[in-house]
C-alpha atoms as a PDB file:
ATOM      1  CA  UNK A   1      -3.892 -96.709  89.624  1.00  0.00           C
ATOM      2  CA  UNK A   2      -2.942 -93.583  90.940  1.00  0.00           C
ATOM      3  CA  UNK A   3      -5.708 -90.562  90.887  1.00  0.00           C
ATOM      4  CA  UNK A   4      -4.720 -87.500  89.433  1.00  0.00           C
ATOM      5  CA  UNK A   5      -4.834 -84.526  91.923  1.00  0.00           C
ATOM      6  CA  UNK A   6      -5.405 -80.807  90.366  1.00  0.00           C
ATOM      7  CA  UNK A   7      -4.906 -79.549  94.257  1.00  0.00           C
ATOM      8  CA  UNK A   8      -1.952 -81.106  94.544  1.00  0.00           C
ATOM      9  CA  UNK A   9      -0.182 -80.844  91.423  1.00  0.00           C
ATOM     10  CA  UNK A  10      -0.929 -77.080  90.957  1.00  0.00           C
ATOM     11  CA  UNK A  11       1.397 -76.939  87.918  1.00  0.00           C
ATOM     12  CA  UNK A  12      -0.673 -79.750  85.686  1.00  0.00           C
ATOM     13  CA  UNK A  13      -3.490 -77.339  86.311  1.00  0.00           C
ATOM     14  CA  UNK A  14      -1.577 -74.398  84.793  1.00  0.00           C
ATOM     15  CA  UNK A  15      -0.970 -76.551  81.832  1.00  0.00           C
ATOM     16  CA  UNK A  16      -4.433 -77.743  81.435  1.00  0.00           C
ATOM     17  CA  UNK A  17      -5.738 -74.621  81.536  1.00  0.00           C
ATOM     18  CA  UNK A  18      -3.400 -73.174  79.054  1.00  0.00           C
ATOM     19  CA  UNK A  19      -4.055 -75.941  76.802  1.00  0.00           C
ATOM     20  CA  UNK A  20      -7.890 -75.056  76.677  1.00  0.00           C
ATOM     21  CA  UNK A  21      -7.256 -71.600  76.075  1.00  0.00           C
ATOM     22  CA  UNK A  22      -4.877 -72.275  73.367  1.00  0.00           C
ATOM     23  CA  UNK A  23      -8.058 -74.718  71.410  1.00  0.00           C
ATOM     24  CA  UNK A  24     -10.408 -71.957  71.802  1.00  0.00           C
ATOM     25  CA  UNK A  25      -8.209 -69.223  70.667  1.00  0.00           C
ATOM     26  CA  UNK A  26      -7.168 -71.091  67.610  1.00  0.00           C
ATOM     27  CA  UNK A  27     -10.806 -72.092  67.135  1.00  0.00           C
ATOM     28  CA  UNK A  28     -11.462 -68.529  67.101  1.00  0.00           C
ATOM     29  CA  UNK A  29      -8.708 -67.511  64.600  1.00  0.00           C
ATOM     30  CA  UNK A  30      -9.801 -70.262  62.291  1.00  0.00           C
ATOM     31  CA  UNK A  31     -13.150 -69.021  62.481  1.00  0.00           C
ATOM     32  CA  UNK A  32     -12.437 -65.604  61.838  1.00  0.00           C
ATOM     33  CA  UNK A  33     -10.341 -66.389  58.784  1.00  0.00           C
ATOM     34  CA  UNK A  34     -13.001 -68.657  57.040  1.00  0.00           C
ATOM     35  CA  UNK A  35     -15.427 -65.864  57.471  1.00  0.00           C
ATOM     36  CA  UNK A  36     -16.939 -64.532  54.189  1.00  0.00           C
ATOM     37  CA  UNK A  37     -16.987 -60.704  53.630  1.00  0.00           C
ATOM     38  CA  UNK A  38     -17.512 -58.191  51.367  1.00  0.00           C
ATOM     39  CA  UNK A  39     -16.503 -54.706  50.367  1.00  0.00           C
ATOM     40  CA  UNK A  40     -17.820 -51.432  47.702  1.00  0.00           C
ATOM     41  CA  UNK A  41     -15.281 -49.846  45.716  1.00  0.00           C
ATOM     42  CA  UNK A  42     -16.556 -46.637  43.391  1.00  0.00           C
ATOM     43  CA  UNK A  43     -15.293 -44.731  41.005  1.00  0.00           C
ATOM     44  CA  UNK A  44     -13.015 -47.834  39.689  1.00  0.00           C
ATOM     45  CA  UNK A  45     -11.065 -46.346  36.175  1.00  0.00           C
ATOM     46  CA  UNK A  46     -12.279 -48.561  33.214  1.00  0.00           C
ATOM     47  CA  UNK A  47      -9.528 -49.543  30.712  1.00  0.00           C
ATOM     48  CA  UNK A  48     -10.297 -49.072  26.854  1.00  0.00           C
ATOM     49  CA  UNK A  49      -9.075 -52.248  24.982  1.00  0.00           C
ATOM     50  CA  UNK A  50      -8.842 -52.210  21.297  1.00  0.00           C
ATOM     51  CA  UNK A  51      -8.140 -48.252  20.833  1.00  0.00           C
ATOM     52  CA  UNK A  52      -5.972 -49.271  17.876  1.00  0.00           C
ATOM     53  CA  UNK A  53      -8.386 -51.400  15.929  1.00  0.00           C
ATOM     54  CA  UNK A  54     -10.486 -47.742  16.108  1.00  0.00           C
ATOM     55  CA  UNK A  55      -7.308 -45.744  14.733  1.00  0.00           C
ATOM     56  CA  UNK A  56      -6.692 -48.459  12.054  1.00  0.00           C
ATOM     57  CA  UNK A  57     -10.388 -48.297  10.487  1.00  0.00           C
ATOM     58  CA  UNK A  58     -10.281 -44.441  10.815  1.00  0.00           C
ATOM     59  CA  UNK A  59     -12.870 -44.099  13.991  1.00  0.00           C
ATOM     60  CA  UNK A  60     -12.868 -42.638  17.225  1.00  0.00           C
ATOM     61  CA  UNK A  61     -14.792 -42.577  20.128  1.00  0.00           C
ATOM     62  CA  UNK A  62     -17.324 -39.594  20.568  1.00  0.00           C
ATOM     63  CA  UNK A  63     -18.130 -40.366  23.872  1.00  0.00           C
ATOM     64  CA  UNK A  64     -17.632 -41.153  26.568  1.00  0.00           C
ATOM     65  CA  UNK A  65     -13.939 -40.286  27.044  1.00  0.00           C
ATOM     66  CA  UNK A  66     -13.219 -42.009  30.005  1.00  0.00           C
ATOM     67  CA  UNK A  67     -15.494 -44.312  32.283  1.00  0.00           C
ATOM     68  CA  UNK A  68     -15.555 -45.404  35.931  1.00  0.00           C
ATOM     69  CA  UNK A  69     -17.639 -48.144  37.616  1.00  0.00           C
ATOM     70  CA  UNK A  70     -18.605 -49.485  41.238  1.00  0.00           C
ATOM     71  CA  UNK A  71     -17.328 -52.920  42.358  1.00  0.00           C
ATOM     72  CA  UNK A  72     -18.301 -55.386  45.183  1.00  0.00           C
ATOM     73  CA  UNK A  73     -15.750 -58.004  45.919  1.00  0.00           C
ATOM     74  CA  UNK A  74     -16.049 -60.803  48.436  1.00  0.00           C
ATOM     75  CA  UNK A  75     -14.040 -63.447  49.664  1.00  0.00           C
ATOM     76  CA  UNK A  76     -12.813 -64.916  52.697  1.00  0.00           C
ATOM     77  CA  UNK A  77     -11.763 -62.558  55.783  1.00  0.00           C
ATOM     78  CA  UNK A  78      -8.209 -63.695  55.346  1.00  0.00           C
ATOM     79  CA  UNK A  79      -8.007 -62.718  51.976  1.00  0.00           C
ATOM     80  CA  UNK A  80     -10.365 -59.596  51.832  1.00  0.00           C
ATOM     81  CA  UNK A  81      -7.707 -58.117  54.413  1.00  0.00           C
ATOM     82  CA  UNK A  82      -4.982 -57.385  51.497  1.00  0.00           C
ATOM     83  CA  UNK A  83      -7.496 -55.993  49.088  1.00  0.00           C
ATOM     84  CA  UNK A  84      -6.810 -52.656  47.623  1.00  0.00           C
ATOM     85  CA  UNK A  85      -8.159 -50.485  44.599  1.00  0.00           C
ATOM     86  CA  UNK A  86      -5.345 -50.851  42.422  1.00  0.00           C
ATOM     87  CA  UNK A  87      -5.846 -54.459  42.402  1.00  0.00           C
ATOM     88  CA  UNK A  88      -9.285 -53.950  40.504  1.00  0.00           C
ATOM     89  CA  UNK A  89      -9.016 -54.249  36.761  1.00  0.00           C
ATOM     90  CA  UNK A  90     -12.006 -53.230  34.668  1.00  0.00           C
ATOM     91  CA  UNK A  91     -11.982 -53.291  30.962  1.00  0.00           C
ATOM     92  CA  UNK A  92     -14.105 -52.901  27.701  1.00  0.00           C
ATOM     93  CA  UNK A  93     -13.498 -54.340  24.723  1.00  0.00           C
ATOM     94  CA  UNK A  94     -14.018 -51.641  21.719  1.00  0.00           C
ATOM     95  CA  UNK A  95     -11.946 -54.239  18.959  1.00  0.00           C
ATOM     96  CA  UNK A  96     -15.028 -54.998  17.301  1.00  0.00           C
ATOM     97  CA  UNK A  97     -17.101 -51.747  17.134  1.00  0.00           C
ATOM     98  CA  UNK A  98     -18.057 -49.783  14.036  1.00  0.00           C
ATOM     99  CA  UNK A  99     -19.236 -46.443  13.445  1.00  0.00           C
ATOM    100  CA  UNK A 100     -22.696 -45.756  15.654  1.00  0.00           C
ATOM    101  CA  UNK A 101     -24.187 -46.570  18.639  1.00  0.00           C
ATOM    102  CA  UNK A 102     -23.344 -49.286  21.407  1.00  0.00           C
ATOM    103  CA  UNK A 103     -23.536 -51.059  24.598  1.00  0.00           C
ATOM    104  CA  UNK A 104     -20.377 -52.588  25.331  1.00  0.00           C
ATOM    105  CA  UNK A 105     -20.298 -55.126  28.612  1.00  0.00           C
ATOM    106  CA  UNK A 106     -17.464 -54.137  31.731  1.00  0.00           C
ATOM    107  CA  UNK A 107     -15.180 -56.882  32.689  1.00  0.00           C
ATOM    108  CA  UNK A 108     -13.969 -56.824  35.864  1.00  0.00           C
ATOM    109  CA  UNK A 109     -11.458 -59.073  38.059  1.00  0.00           C
ATOM    110  CA  UNK A 110      -9.144 -58.925  40.765  1.00  0.00           C
ATOM    111  CA  UNK A 111      -5.656 -59.938  40.198  1.00  0.00           C
ATOM    112  CA  UNK A 112      -5.511 -62.193  43.324  1.00  0.00           C
ATOM    113  CA  UNK A 113      -7.230 -65.564  43.565  1.00  0.00           C
ATOM    114  CA  UNK A 114     -10.029 -65.662  45.789  1.00  0.00           C
ATOM    115  CA  UNK A 115     -11.402 -62.747  45.683  1.00  0.00           C
ATOM    116  CA  UNK A 116     -14.818 -62.581  43.407  1.00  0.00           C
ATOM    117  CA  UNK A 117     -16.971 -59.698  41.851  1.00  0.00           C
ATOM    118  CA  UNK A 118     -20.499 -59.874  42.952  1.00  0.00           C
ATOM    119  CA  UNK A 119     -21.641 -56.682  41.520  1.00  0.00           C
ATOM    120  CA  UNK A 120     -20.817 -54.033  38.880  1.00  0.00           C
ATOM    121  CA  UNK A 121     -22.687 -50.903  38.338  1.00  0.00           C
ATOM    122  CA  UNK A 122     -22.600 -49.851  35.200  1.00  0.00           C
ATOM    123  CA  UNK A 123     -22.323 -53.737  33.548  1.00  0.00           C
ATOM    124  CA  UNK A 124     -22.718 -51.934  30.159  1.00  0.00           C
ATOM    125  CA  UNK A 125     -21.731 -48.312  28.837  1.00  0.00           C
ATOM    126  CA  UNK A 126     -23.068 -46.684  25.778  1.00  0.00           C
ATOM    127  CA  UNK A 127     -20.036 -46.030  23.659  1.00  0.00           C
ATOM    128  CA  UNK A 128     -20.871 -43.459  20.454  1.00  0.00           C
ATOM    129  CA  UNK A 129     -18.107 -44.061  17.587  1.00  0.00           C
ATOM    130  CA  UNK A 130     -17.819 -41.659  14.531  1.00  0.00           C
ATOM    131  CA  UNK A 131     -15.839 -41.495  11.555  1.00  0.00           C
ATOM    132  CA  UNK A 132     -12.853 -39.483  11.277  1.00  0.00           C
ATOM    133  CA  UNK A 133     -12.445 -36.678   8.639  1.00  0.00           C
ATOM    134  CA  UNK A 134     -10.027 -34.425   7.091  1.00  0.00           C
ATOM    135  CA  UNK A 135     -10.584 -31.218   5.870  1.00  0.00           C
ATOM    136  CA  UNK A 136      -8.495 -28.383   4.665  1.00  0.00           C
ATOM    137  CA  UNK A 137      -9.331 -24.542   5.323  1.00  0.00           C
ATOM    138  CA  UNK A 138      -8.216 -21.305   4.936  1.00  0.00           C
ATOM    139  CA  UNK A 139      -6.999 -19.015   8.126  1.00  0.00           C
ATOM    140  CA  UNK A 140      -7.999 -15.661   8.478  1.00  0.00           C
ATOM    141  CA  UNK A 141      -6.235 -13.780  10.257  1.00  0.00           C
ATOM    142  CA  UNK A 142      -7.851 -11.538  13.072  1.00  0.00           C
ATOM    143  CA  UNK A 143      -7.169  -8.543  14.914  1.00  0.00           C
ATOM    144  CA  UNK A 144      -8.605  -7.865  18.055  1.00  0.00           C
ATOM    145  CA  UNK A 145      -8.443  -4.792  19.901  1.00  0.00           C
ATOM    146  CA  UNK A 146      -6.476  -1.529  19.040  1.00  0.00           C
ATOM    147  CA  UNK A 147      -2.890  -0.412  19.769  1.00  0.00           C
ATOM    148  CA  UNK A 148      -1.722   2.499  21.899  1.00  0.00           C
ATOM    149  CA  UNK A 149      -3.165   6.012  20.962  1.00  0.00           C
ATOM    150  CA  UNK A 150      -1.148   7.150  18.309  1.00  0.00           C
ATOM    151  CA  UNK A 151      -0.845   3.881  16.929  1.00  0.00           C
ATOM    152  CA  UNK A 152      -2.355   1.549  14.283  1.00  0.00           C
ATOM    153  CA  UNK A 153      -2.416  -1.788  12.367  1.00  0.00           C
ATOM    154  CA  UNK A 154      -1.282  -1.979   8.768  1.00  0.00           C
ATOM    155  CA  UNK A 155      -2.533  -4.103   6.329  1.00  0.00           C
ATOM    156  CA  UNK A 156      -1.707  -7.852   7.120  1.00  0.00           C
ATOM    157  CA  UNK A 157      -1.103 -10.024   3.455  1.00  0.00           C
ATOM    158  CA  UNK A 158      -0.555 -13.456   5.113  1.00  0.00           C
ATOM    159  CA  UNK A 159      -2.819 -16.331   4.426  1.00  0.00           C
ATOM    160  CA  UNK A 160      -2.353 -19.555   5.321  1.00  0.00           C
ATOM    161  CA  UNK A 161      -4.061 -22.913   4.731  1.00  0.00           C
ATOM    162  CA  UNK A 162      -4.576 -25.684   7.386  1.00  0.00           C
ATOM    163  CA  UNK A 163      -5.624 -29.298   7.806  1.00  0.00           C
ATOM    164  CA  UNK A 164      -8.370 -29.868  10.279  1.00  0.00           C
ATOM    165  CA  UNK A 165      -9.188 -33.346  11.465  1.00  0.00           C
ATOM    166  CA  UNK A 166     -11.327 -34.719  14.127  1.00  0.00           C
ATOM    167  CA  UNK A 167     -15.133 -36.539  14.137  1.00  0.00           C
ATOM    168  CA  UNK A 168     -17.222 -35.708  11.356  1.00  0.00           C
ATOM    169  CA  UNK A 169     -19.932 -34.658  14.258  1.00  0.00           C
ATOM    170  CA  UNK A 170     -17.559 -31.849  15.050  1.00  0.00           C
ATOM    171  CA  UNK A 171     -15.943 -31.243  11.628  1.00  0.00           C
ATOM    172  CA  UNK A 172     -19.356 -30.667  10.421  1.00  0.00           C
ATOM    173  CA  UNK A 173     -19.896 -27.819  12.930  1.00  0.00           C
ATOM    174  CA  UNK A 174     -16.530 -25.716  11.413  1.00  0.00           C
ATOM    175  CA  UNK A 175     -17.955 -22.224  10.037  1.00  0.00           C
ATOM    176  CA  UNK A 176     -14.324 -20.722   9.821  1.00  0.00           C
ATOM    177  CA  UNK A 177     -10.947 -21.030  10.934  1.00  0.00           C
ATOM    178  CA  UNK A 178      -9.041 -18.013  12.918  1.00  0.00           C
ATOM    179  CA  UNK A 179      -5.786 -17.083  14.146  1.00  0.00           C
ATOM    180  CA  UNK A 180      -6.423 -14.085  16.182  1.00  0.00           C
ATOM    181  CA  UNK A 181      -3.769 -11.389  17.769  1.00  0.00           C
ATOM    182  CA  UNK A 182      -4.486  -8.861  20.500  1.00  0.00           C
ATOM    183  CA  UNK A 183      -2.570  -5.946  19.311  1.00  0.00           C
ATOM    184  CA  UNK A 184      -3.254  -4.117  22.590  1.00  0.00           C
ATOM    185  CA  UNK A 185       0.109  -4.249  24.059  1.00  0.00           C
ATOM    186  CA  UNK A 186       2.272  -4.236  20.724  1.00  0.00           C
ATOM    187  CA  UNK A 187       3.859  -0.950  20.021  1.00  0.00           C
ATOM    188  CA  UNK A 188       6.026  -1.321  17.024  1.00  0.00           C
ATOM    189  CA  UNK A 189       5.927  -3.877  13.868  1.00  0.00           C
ATOM    190  CA  UNK A 190       6.386  -7.429  15.107  1.00  0.00           C
ATOM    191  CA  UNK A 191       6.180 -11.016  14.471  1.00  0.00           C
ATOM    192  CA  UNK A 192       3.849 -12.975  16.266  1.00  0.00           C
ATOM    193  CA  UNK A 193       2.899 -16.541  16.228  1.00  0.00           C
ATOM    194  CA  UNK A 194      -0.796 -16.897  16.286  1.00  0.00           C
ATOM    195  CA  UNK A 195      -2.726 -20.000  17.483  1.00  0.00           C
ATOM    196  CA  UNK A 196      -5.410 -21.461  14.965  1.00  0.00           C
ATOM    197  CA  UNK A 197      -8.546 -22.393  15.954  1.00  0.00           C
ATOM    198  CA  UNK A 198     -11.492 -24.075  14.386  1.00  0.00           C
ATOM    199  CA  UNK A 199     -15.000 -21.970  15.293  1.00  0.00           C
ATOM    200  CA  UNK A 200     -18.766 -23.066  15.501  1.00  0.00           C
ATOM    201  CA  UNK A 201     -21.692 -21.028  13.967  1.00  0.00           C
ATOM    202  CA  UNK A 202     -22.148 -19.408  17.728  1.00  0.00           C
ATOM    203  CA  UNK A 203     -18.734 -18.486  17.346  1.00  0.00           C
ATOM    204  CA  UNK A 204     -17.198 -21.028  19.922  1.00  0.00           C
ATOM    205  CA  UNK A 205     -14.157 -22.717  19.765  1.00  0.00           C
ATOM    206  CA  UNK A 206     -14.226 -26.609  18.483  1.00  0.00           C
ATOM    207  CA  UNK A 207     -11.558 -28.199  21.117  1.00  0.00           C
ATOM    208  CA  UNK A 208     -12.271 -31.816  19.672  1.00  0.00           C
ATOM    209  CA  UNK A 209     -10.552 -31.168  16.532  1.00  0.00           C
ATOM    210  CA  UNK A 210      -6.901 -30.953  15.493  1.00  0.00           C
ATOM    211  CA  UNK A 211      -5.594 -28.153  13.425  1.00  0.00           C
ATOM    212  CA  UNK A 212      -2.287 -28.938  11.592  1.00  0.00           C
ATOM    213  CA  UNK A 213      -0.247 -26.903  11.618  1.00  0.00           C
ATOM    214  CA  UNK A 214      -1.546 -25.017  14.818  1.00  0.00           C
ATOM    215  CA  UNK A 215      -0.004 -21.497  14.473  1.00  0.00           C
ATOM    216  CA  UNK A 216       0.466 -19.372  11.880  1.00  0.00           C
ATOM    217  CA  UNK A 217       3.680 -16.795  11.807  1.00  0.00           C
ATOM    218  CA  UNK A 218       2.082 -12.952  11.142  1.00  0.00           C
ATOM    219  CA  UNK A 219       3.867 -10.024  10.778  1.00  0.00           C
ATOM    220  CA  UNK A 220       2.000  -7.398  12.222  1.00  0.00           C
ATOM    221  CA  UNK A 221       2.888  -4.149  11.042  1.00  0.00           C
ATOM    222  CA  UNK A 222       2.339  -1.069  13.732  1.00  0.00           C
ATOM    223  CA  UNK A 223       2.042   2.273  11.883  1.00  0.00           C
ATOM    224  CA  UNK A 224       1.818   5.888  13.331  1.00  0.00           C
ATOM    225  CA  UNK A 225      -1.548   7.775  12.742  1.00  0.00           C
ATOM    226  CA  UNK A 226      -1.984  11.615  12.784  1.00  0.00           C
ATOM    227  CA  UNK A 227      -5.016  13.866  12.693  1.00  0.00           C
ATOM    228  CA  UNK A 228      -3.905  16.955  10.259  1.00  0.00           C
ATOM    229  CA  UNK A 229      -5.913  19.335   8.643  1.00  0.00           C
ATOM    230  CA  UNK A 230      -7.247  18.993   4.457  1.00  0.00           C
ATOM    231  CA  UNK A 231      -6.220  21.630   2.031  1.00  0.00           C
ATOM    232  CA  UNK A 232      -8.188  22.064  -0.939  1.00  0.00           C
ATOM    233  CA  UNK A 233      -6.392  22.435  -4.286  1.00  0.00           C
ATOM    234  CA  UNK A 234      -8.634  23.506  -7.454  1.00  0.00           C
ATOM    235  CA  UNK A 235      -7.588  22.700 -11.216  1.00  0.00           C
ATOM    236  CA  UNK A 236      -6.628  25.174 -13.714  1.00  0.00           C
ATOM    237  CA  UNK A 237     -10.006  25.563 -15.268  1.00  0.00           C
ATOM    238  CA  UNK A 238     -11.551  26.948 -12.356  1.00  0.00           C
ATOM    239  CA  UNK A 239     -13.556  30.001 -13.303  1.00  0.00           C
ATOM    240  CA  UNK A 240     -12.734  33.624 -11.972  1.00  0.00           C
ATOM    241  CA  UNK A 241     -16.182  34.060 -11.150  1.00  0.00           C
ATOM    242  CA  UNK A 242     -16.290  31.305  -8.167  1.00  0.00           C
ATOM    243  CA  UNK A 243     -14.752  32.837  -5.065  1.00  0.00           C
ATOM    244  CA  UNK A 244     -13.179  29.474  -3.512  1.00  0.00           C
ATOM    245  CA  UNK A 245     -13.043  30.824  -0.319  1.00  0.00           C
ATOM    246  CA  UNK A 246     -16.603  30.387  -0.300  1.00  0.00           C
ATOM    247  CA  UNK A 247     -15.974  26.683  -0.104  1.00  0.00           C
ATOM    248  CA  UNK A 248     -14.800  23.869   2.481  1.00  0.00           C
ATOM    249  CA  UNK A 249     -14.379  20.356   3.214  1.00  0.00           C
ATOM    250  CA  UNK A 250     -16.304  18.216   5.399  1.00  0.00           C
ATOM    251  CA  UNK A 251     -14.873  16.476   7.334  1.00  0.00           C
ATOM    252  CA  UNK A 252     -12.081  19.173   7.308  1.00  0.00           C
ATOM    253  CA  UNK A 253      -9.346  16.643   8.819  1.00  0.00           C
ATOM    254  CA  UNK A 254      -8.277  13.242   7.832  1.00  0.00           C
ATOM    255  CA  UNK A 255      -6.373  10.789  10.119  1.00  0.00           C
ATOM    256  CA  UNK A 256      -3.455   9.094   8.123  1.00  0.00           C
ATOM    257  CA  UNK A 257      -1.046   6.414   8.605  1.00  0.00           C
ATOM    258  CA  UNK A 258       2.444   4.990   8.352  1.00  0.00           C
ATOM    259  CA  UNK A 259       6.025   4.694   9.124  1.00  0.00           C
ATOM    260  CA  UNK A 260       7.052   7.109  11.268  1.00  0.00           C
ATOM    261  CA  UNK A 261       9.783   9.006   9.452  1.00  0.00           C
ATOM    262  CA  UNK A 262       6.912   9.834   6.764  1.00  0.00           C
ATOM    263  CA  UNK A 263       4.124  10.625   9.244  1.00  0.00           C
ATOM    264  CA  UNK A 264       6.071  13.189  11.005  1.00  0.00           C
ATOM    265  CA  UNK A 265       7.005  15.366   7.908  1.00  0.00           C
ATOM    266  CA  UNK A 266       3.208  15.489   6.777  1.00  0.00           C
ATOM    267  CA  UNK A 267       1.195  18.712   8.241  1.00  0.00           C
ATOM    268  CA  UNK A 268      -1.552  18.706   5.974  1.00  0.00           C
ATOM    269  CA  UNK A 269      -3.053  16.646   3.168  1.00  0.00           C
ATOM    270  CA  UNK A 270      -4.198  18.120  -0.186  1.00  0.00           C
ATOM    271  CA  UNK A 271      -6.883  17.223  -2.186  1.00  0.00           C
ATOM    272  CA  UNK A 272      -6.998  15.981  -5.676  1.00  0.00           C
ATOM    273  CA  UNK A 273      -7.450  19.234  -8.245  1.00  0.00           C
ATOM    274  CA  UNK A 274     -11.156  20.153  -7.709  1.00  0.00           C
ATOM    275  CA  UNK A 275     -13.208  20.829 -11.294  1.00  0.00           C
ATOM    276  CA  UNK A 276     -16.517  22.845 -10.494  1.00  0.00           C
ATOM    277  CA  UNK A 277     -17.893  22.062 -13.324  1.00  0.00           C
ATOM    278  CA  UNK A 278     -18.353  18.448 -11.643  1.00  0.00           C
ATOM    279  CA  UNK A 279     -19.661  20.221  -8.589  1.00  0.00           C
ATOM    280  CA  UNK A 280     -22.402  22.015 -10.738  1.00  0.00           C
ATOM    281  CA  UNK A 281     -22.897  18.479 -12.217  1.00  0.00           C
ATOM    282  CA  UNK A 282     -23.997  17.643  -8.200  1.00  0.00           C
ATOM    283  CA  UNK A 283     -20.640  15.506  -7.757  1.00  0.00           C
ATOM    284  CA  UNK A 284     -19.788  16.978  -4.439  1.00  0.00           C
ATOM    285  CA  UNK A 285     -17.550  14.050  -3.693  1.00  0.00           C
ATOM    286  CA  UNK A 286     -13.570  15.069  -2.887  1.00  0.00           C
ATOM    287  CA  UNK A 287     -10.870  12.988  -3.413  1.00  0.00           C
ATOM    288  CA  UNK A 288      -7.281  13.078  -1.450  1.00  0.00           C
ATOM    289  CA  UNK A 289      -4.163  13.079  -3.137  1.00  0.00           C
ATOM    290  CA  UNK A 290      -1.960  10.687  -0.874  1.00  0.00           C
ATOM    291  CA  UNK A 291       1.671  10.690  -0.667  1.00  0.00           C
ATOM    292  CA  UNK A 292       3.555   7.392  -0.809  1.00  0.00           C
ATOM    293  CA  UNK A 293       3.227   4.494   1.561  1.00  0.00           C
ATOM    294  CA  UNK A 294       0.184   6.870   3.510  1.00  0.00           C
ATOM    295  CA  UNK A 295      -3.308   5.215   3.907  1.00  0.00           C
ATOM    296  CA  UNK A 296      -6.153   6.124   5.232  1.00  0.00           C
ATOM    297  CA  UNK A 297      -7.338   4.880   8.989  1.00  0.00           C
ATOM    298  CA  UNK A 298     -10.948   4.763   7.786  1.00  0.00           C
ATOM    299  CA  UNK A 299     -11.450   4.249   4.205  1.00  0.00           C
ATOM    300  CA  UNK A 300     -15.182   4.438   4.737  1.00  0.00           C
ATOM    301  CA  UNK A 301     -15.280   8.099   5.152  1.00  0.00           C
ATOM    302  CA  UNK A 302     -16.736  10.043   2.037  1.00  0.00           C
ATOM    303  CA  UNK A 303     -15.151  14.192   2.052  1.00  0.00           C
ATOM    304  CA  UNK A 304     -17.406  16.325   0.341  1.00  0.00           C
ATOM    305  CA  UNK A 305     -17.200  20.270  -1.030  1.00  0.00           C
ATOM    306  CA  UNK A 306     -19.647  22.413   1.349  1.00  0.00           C
ATOM    307  CA  UNK A 307     -20.433  25.800   0.327  1.00  0.00           C
ATOM    308  CA  UNK A 308     -20.545  28.173   3.103  1.00  0.00           C
ATOM    309  CA  UNK A 309     -23.595  30.043   4.417  1.00  0.00           C
ATOM    310  CA  UNK A 310     -22.668  33.592   3.614  1.00  0.00           C
ATOM    311  CA  UNK A 311     -23.986  35.958   6.506  1.00  0.00           C
ATOM    312  CA  UNK A 312     -26.679  38.433   5.744  1.00  0.00           C
ATOM    313  CA  UNK A 313     -25.628  42.196   5.917  1.00  0.00           C
END
């Protein structure tokens, strides 16, 4: 039998060495593919199943509105190379929950076979479920700030009724329902779509409830205002021995408002006829005789007749 000599056949030596190298490389690759590894993924969004059940039973989630979990996956290296966050599925089943507090387990899986979920944190999520209520409320129209100088807001007669819906936790906090209108930039009578909100005792908007309708159309009358002097008028029974010039009125002027065509033509406001018999009885109040379509900017001011102090000669 003829012996093989590697010294005489260099090509054969190269072939043998290539075969050995291929075997070593195959063994390395196979070992890498079968190596078990793991990876951590944080803040995986949790899907809420069973929301239709809650809605059908007039229930709603108070908290948490959204949830995330941290997940640890494990598998052979050949599979783990292809793992993505989008393939991780985290769910909770809310279909059997009732009103109250519940601790619900989180079910986590991966869409491809060969990948195991070895840890989930947290494993359970605490839920608070509440009854949904609906109440009817009257809307108060609230004027915020003041219009430009020389203008004022007229009487707003608009009223509205709305339905407010939400979890009983928030419905029970409602103190008032208002539509606010800022008149700072309004210079003429206009119509405004004012947004309606429910407020708690501290004046904060309760964002967790829905208001239907969400807005109300309000006609905002912008009137011209003007300050004019007050002219004293006396009745026919005023005795001749009373010097009417010895009396004045305080305040001596009044701020009125109305449509510009009416206000522009007014230079003073007369009092209603003054009866000095009433003055003697201690009634020093004086009432103003306002023209049609003219109102007072401040209706809380009391006008009183005052006797002038005579200088001592």
